[in-house]
Amino acid sequence: MPCTEVFFKYLKQREINRRTYHSIDEVRLSCFEYIEQFYNNYNPHSANNGLTPNQ
């Protein structure tokens, strides 16, 4: 599965589908926080030799 498909799969599973949003700004902030605080720090990827994006 391509990297972008995996990213959006996890974004939906771990963040988007678990919350109720009241504005588009809340969705944007939630996505930003997911990427900056979780995805880039804890998701190793084979395309990155098993390292997380921040490593």
PDB file of N, CA and C in Angstrom:
ATOM      1  N   MET A   1       0.854  -1.175   0.000  1.00  0.00           N
ATOM      2  CA  MET A   1       0.000   0.000   0.000  1.00  0.00           C
ATOM      3  C   MET A   1       0.902   1.240   0.000  1.00  0.00           C
ATOM      4  N   PRO A   2       0.653   2.189  -0.895  1.00  0.00           N
ATOM      5  CA  PRO A   2       1.479   3.408  -0.944  1.00  0.00           C
ATOM      6  C   PRO A   2       1.431   4.203   0.357  1.00  0.00           C
ATOM      7  N   CYS A   3       2.481   4.948   0.599  1.00  0.00           N
ATOM      8  CA  CYS A   3       2.622   5.725   1.839  1.00  0.00           C
ATOM      9  C   CYS A   3       1.438   6.640   2.101  1.00  0.00           C
ATOM     10  N   THR A   4       0.959   7.318   1.078  1.00  0.00           N
ATOM     11  CA  THR A   4      -0.145   8.262   1.299  1.00  0.00           C
ATOM     12  C   THR A   4      -1.415   7.547   1.718  1.00  0.00           C
ATOM     13  N   GLU A   5      -1.667   6.369   1.155  1.00  0.00           N
ATOM     14  CA  GLU A   5      -2.857   5.610   1.543  1.00  0.00           C
ATOM     15  C   GLU A   5      -2.765   5.175   2.998  1.00  0.00           C
ATOM     16  N   VAL A   6      -1.606   4.735   3.409  1.00  0.00           N
ATOM     17  CA  VAL A   6      -1.409   4.324   4.800  1.00  0.00           C
ATOM     18  C   VAL A   6      -1.592   5.517   5.729  1.00  0.00           C
ATOM     19  N   PHE A   7      -1.014   6.644   5.367  1.00  0.00           N
ATOM     20  CA  PHE A   7      -1.143   7.840   6.193  1.00  0.00           C
ATOM     21  C   PHE A   7      -2.609   8.206   6.399  1.00  0.00           C
ATOM     22  N   PHE A   8      -3.381   8.297   5.321  1.00  0.00           N
ATOM     23  CA  PHE A   8      -4.778   8.707   5.450  1.00  0.00           C
ATOM     24  C   PHE A   8      -5.623   7.649   6.152  1.00  0.00           C
ATOM     25  N   LYS A   9      -5.277   6.388   5.981  1.00  0.00           N
ATOM     26  CA  LYS A   9      -5.970   5.317   6.704  1.00  0.00           C
ATOM     27  C   LYS A   9      -5.813   5.525   8.209  1.00  0.00           C
ATOM     28  N   TYR A  10      -4.588   5.742   8.652  1.00  0.00           N
ATOM     29  CA  TYR A  10      -4.344   5.942  10.078  1.00  0.00           C
ATOM     30  C   TYR A  10      -4.905   7.267  10.581  1.00  0.00           C
ATOM     31  N   LEU A  11      -4.833   8.305   9.781  1.00  0.00           N
ATOM     32  CA  LEU A  11      -5.408   9.589  10.175  1.00  0.00           C
ATOM     33  C   LEU A  11      -6.896   9.426  10.459  1.00  0.00           C
ATOM     34  N   LYS A  12      -7.595   8.743   9.593  1.00  0.00           N
ATOM     35  CA  LYS A  12      -9.040   8.535   9.796  1.00  0.00           C
ATOM     36  C   LYS A  12      -9.307   7.648  11.004  1.00  0.00           C
ATOM     37  N   GLN A  13      -8.579   6.541  11.113  1.00  0.00           N
ATOM     38  CA  GLN A  13      -8.803   5.598  12.218  1.00  0.00           C
ATOM     39  C   GLN A  13      -8.464   6.197  13.572  1.00  0.00           C
ATOM     40  N   ARG A  14      -7.338   6.863  13.654  1.00  0.00           N
ATOM     41  CA  ARG A  14      -6.820   7.312  14.948  1.00  0.00           C
ATOM     42  C   ARG A  14      -7.297   8.695  15.368  1.00  0.00           C
ATOM     43  N   GLU A  15      -7.749   9.498  14.426  1.00  0.00           N
ATOM     44  CA  GLU A  15      -8.086  10.877  14.780  1.00  0.00           C
ATOM     45  C   GLU A  15      -9.474  11.281  14.298  1.00  0.00           C
ATOM     46  N   ILE A  16      -9.703  11.313  13.021  1.00  0.00           N
ATOM     47  CA  ILE A  16     -10.930  11.879  12.455  1.00  0.00           C
ATOM     48  C   ILE A  16     -12.186  11.158  12.943  1.00  0.00           C
ATOM     49  N   ASN A  17     -12.206   9.845  12.871  1.00  0.00           N
ATOM     50  CA  ASN A  17     -13.416   9.089  13.207  1.00  0.00           C
ATOM     51  C   ASN A  17     -13.686   8.981  14.702  1.00  0.00           C
ATOM     52  N   ARG A  18     -12.788   9.417  15.525  1.00  0.00           N
ATOM     53  CA  ARG A  18     -12.951   9.310  16.983  1.00  0.00           C
ATOM     54  C   ARG A  18     -13.523  10.567  17.624  1.00  0.00           C
ATOM     55  N   ARG A  19     -13.729  11.607  16.849  1.00  0.00           N
ATOM     56  CA  ARG A  19     -14.151  12.884  17.422  1.00  0.00           C
ATOM     57  C   ARG A  19     -15.342  13.454  16.671  1.00  0.00           C
ATOM     58  N   THR A  20     -15.991  14.389  17.313  1.00  0.00           N
ATOM     59  CA  THR A  20     -17.044  15.176  16.677  1.00  0.00           C
ATOM     60  C   THR A  20     -16.516  16.591  16.522  1.00  0.00           C
ATOM     61  N   TYR A  21     -16.598  17.111  15.324  1.00  0.00           N
ATOM     62  CA  TYR A  21     -16.081  18.444  15.036  1.00  0.00           C
ATOM     63  C   TYR A  21     -17.234  19.417  14.823  1.00  0.00           C
ATOM     64  N   HIS A  22     -17.016  20.659  15.221  1.00  0.00           N
ATOM     65  CA  HIS A  22     -18.042  21.684  15.086  1.00  0.00           C
ATOM     66  C   HIS A  22     -17.678  22.741  14.050  1.00  0.00           C
ATOM     67  N   SER A  23     -16.467  22.674  13.541  1.00  0.00           N
ATOM     68  CA  SER A  23     -16.062  23.623  12.499  1.00  0.00           C
ATOM     69  C   SER A  23     -14.898  23.032  11.712  1.00  0.00           C
ATOM     70  N   ILE A  24     -14.679  23.580  10.553  1.00  0.00           N
ATOM     71  CA  ILE A  24     -13.561  23.136   9.722  1.00  0.00           C
ATOM     72  C   ILE A  24     -12.227  23.475  10.385  1.00  0.00           C
ATOM     73  N   ASP A  25     -12.201  24.543  11.158  1.00  0.00           N
ATOM     74  CA  ASP A  25     -10.970  24.898  11.876  1.00  0.00           C
ATOM     75  C   ASP A  25     -10.599  23.837  12.905  1.00  0.00           C
ATOM     76  N   GLU A  26     -11.587  23.234  13.541  1.00  0.00           N
ATOM     77  CA  GLU A  26     -11.312  22.147  14.489  1.00  0.00           C
ATOM     78  C   GLU A  26     -10.728  20.941  13.762  1.00  0.00           C
ATOM     79  N   VAL A  27     -11.235  20.652  12.580  1.00  0.00           N
ATOM     80  CA  VAL A  27     -10.709  19.535  11.786  1.00  0.00           C
ATOM     81  C   VAL A  27      -9.261  19.819  11.391  1.00  0.00           C
ATOM     82  N   ARG A  28      -9.001  21.003  10.930  1.00  0.00           N
ATOM     83  CA  ARG A  28      -7.630  21.373  10.528  1.00  0.00           C
ATOM     84  C   ARG A  28      -6.657  21.273  11.696  1.00  0.00           C
ATOM     85  N   LEU A  29      -7.060  21.803  12.839  1.00  0.00           N
ATOM     86  CA  LEU A  29      -6.198  21.753  14.017  1.00  0.00           C
ATOM     87  C   LEU A  29      -5.960  20.312  14.459  1.00  0.00           C
ATOM     88  N   SER A  30      -7.003  19.519  14.441  1.00  0.00           N
ATOM     89  CA  SER A  30      -6.887  18.118  14.827  1.00  0.00           C
ATOM     90  C   SER A  30      -5.918  17.377  13.907  1.00  0.00           C
ATOM     91  N   CYS A  31      -6.035  17.596  12.608  1.00  0.00           N
ATOM     92  CA  CYS A  31      -5.131  16.954  11.647  1.00  0.00           C
ATOM     93  C   CYS A  31      -3.695  17.417  11.849  1.00  0.00           C
ATOM     94  N   PHE A  32      -3.511  18.704  12.043  1.00  0.00           N
ATOM     95  CA  PHE A  32      -2.174  19.251  12.279  1.00  0.00           C
ATOM     96  C   PHE A  32      -1.549  18.630  13.529  1.00  0.00           C
ATOM     97  N   GLU A  33      -2.312  18.584  14.614  1.00  0.00           N
ATOM     98  CA  GLU A  33      -1.788  18.024  15.859  1.00  0.00           C
ATOM     99  C   GLU A  33      -1.475  16.547  15.715  1.00  0.00           C
ATOM    100  N   TYR A  34      -2.303  15.815  15.000  1.00  0.00           N
ATOM    101  CA  TYR A  34      -2.043  14.393  14.768  1.00  0.00           C
ATOM    102  C   TYR A  34      -0.712  14.215  14.037  1.00  0.00           C
ATOM    103  N   ILE A  35      -0.511  14.988  13.005  1.00  0.00           N
ATOM    104  CA  ILE A  35       0.721  14.868  12.215  1.00  0.00           C
ATOM    105  C   ILE A  35       1.940  15.269  13.038  1.00  0.00           C
ATOM    106  N   GLU A  36       1.876  16.411  13.680  1.00  0.00           N
ATOM    107  CA  GLU A  36       3.031  16.941  14.401  1.00  0.00           C
ATOM    108  C   GLU A  36       3.340  16.191  15.692  1.00  0.00           C
ATOM    109  N   GLN A  37       2.312  15.787  16.418  1.00  0.00           N
ATOM    110  CA  GLN A  37       2.541  15.201  17.735  1.00  0.00           C
ATOM    111  C   GLN A  37       2.572  13.681  17.731  1.00  0.00           C
ATOM    112  N   PHE A  38       1.872  13.053  16.813  1.00  0.00           N
ATOM    113  CA  PHE A  38       1.826  11.595  16.844  1.00  0.00           C
ATOM    114  C   PHE A  38       2.513  10.969  15.644  1.00  0.00           C
ATOM    115  N   TYR A  39       2.016  11.221  14.472  1.00  0.00           N
ATOM    116  CA  TYR A  39       2.479  10.505  13.285  1.00  0.00           C
ATOM    117  C   TYR A  39       3.978  10.667  13.053  1.00  0.00           C
ATOM    118  N   ASN A  40       4.470  11.875  13.103  1.00  0.00           N
ATOM    119  CA  ASN A  40       5.889  12.113  12.820  1.00  0.00           C
ATOM    120  C   ASN A  40       6.819  11.598  13.915  1.00  0.00           C
ATOM    121  N   ASN A  41       6.291  11.318  15.088  1.00  0.00           N
ATOM    122  CA  ASN A  41       7.137  10.862  16.191  1.00  0.00           C
ATOM    123  C   ASN A  41       7.061   9.365  16.460  1.00  0.00           C
ATOM    124  N   TYR A  42       5.979   8.714  16.055  1.00  0.00           N
ATOM    125  CA  TYR A  42       5.784   7.326  16.476  1.00  0.00           C
ATOM    126  C   TYR A  42       5.546   6.325  15.364  1.00  0.00           C
ATOM    127  N   ASN A  43       5.496   6.721  14.125  1.00  0.00           N
ATOM    128  CA  ASN A  43       5.213   5.790  13.036  1.00  0.00           C
ATOM    129  C   ASN A  43       6.451   5.506  12.198  1.00  0.00           C
ATOM    130  N   PRO A  44       7.176   4.433  12.501  1.00  0.00           N
ATOM    131  CA  PRO A  44       8.305   4.070  11.648  1.00  0.00           C
ATOM    132  C   PRO A  44       7.791   3.598  10.287  1.00  0.00           C
ATOM    133  N   HIS A  45       8.578   3.766   9.258  1.00  0.00           N
ATOM    134  CA  HIS A  45       8.145   3.376   7.924  1.00  0.00           C
ATOM    135  C   HIS A  45       9.291   2.724   7.169  1.00  0.00           C
ATOM    136  N   SER A  46       8.952   1.690   6.414  1.00  0.00           N
ATOM    137  CA  SER A  46       9.975   0.958   5.672  1.00  0.00           C
ATOM    138  C   SER A  46      10.669   1.835   4.624  1.00  0.00           C
ATOM    139  N   ALA A  47       9.959   2.790   4.044  1.00  0.00           N
ATOM    140  CA  ALA A  47      10.574   3.682   3.055  1.00  0.00           C
ATOM    141  C   ALA A  47      11.608   4.603   3.692  1.00  0.00           C
ATOM    142  N   ASN A  48      11.589   4.672   5.010  1.00  0.00           N
ATOM    143  CA  ASN A  48      12.518   5.523   5.753  1.00  0.00           C
ATOM    144  C   ASN A  48      13.492   4.652   6.557  1.00  0.00           C
ATOM    145  N   ASN A  49      13.746   3.455   6.061  1.00  0.00           N
ATOM    146  CA  ASN A  49      14.636   2.486   6.719  1.00  0.00           C
ATOM    147  C   ASN A  49      14.227   2.178   8.151  1.00  0.00           C
ATOM    148  N   GLY A  50      12.920   2.114   8.400  1.00  0.00           N
ATOM    149  CA  GLY A  50      12.420   1.767   9.722  1.00  0.00           C
ATOM    150  C   GLY A  50      12.434   2.901  10.723  1.00  0.00           C
ATOM    151  N   LEU A  51      12.735   4.108  10.269  1.00  0.00           N
ATOM    152  CA  LEU A  51      12.759   5.265  11.162  1.00  0.00           C
ATOM    153  C   LEU A  51      11.449   6.033  11.055  1.00  0.00           C
ATOM    154  N   THR A  52      11.170   6.835  12.075  1.00  0.00           N
ATOM    155  CA  THR A  52      10.008   7.714  12.007  1.00  0.00           C
ATOM    156  C   THR A  52      10.364   8.921  11.141  1.00  0.00           C
ATOM    157  N   PRO A  53       9.371   9.644  10.625  1.00  0.00           N
ATOM    158  CA  PRO A  53       9.680  10.823   9.806  1.00  0.00           C
ATOM    159  C   PRO A  53      10.549  11.857  10.520  1.00  0.00           C
ATOM    160  N   ASN A  54      10.424  11.985  11.833  1.00  0.00           N
ATOM    161  CA  ASN A  54      11.235  12.965  12.561  1.00  0.00           C
ATOM    162  C   ASN A  54      12.657  12.495  12.825  1.00  0.00           C
ATOM    163  N   GLN A  55      12.935  11.224  12.630  1.00  0.00           N
ATOM    164  CA  GLN A  55      14.293  10.743  12.869  1.00  0.00           C
ATOM    165  C   GLN A  55      15.080  11.006  11.623  1.00  0.00           C
TER     166      GLN A  55
END
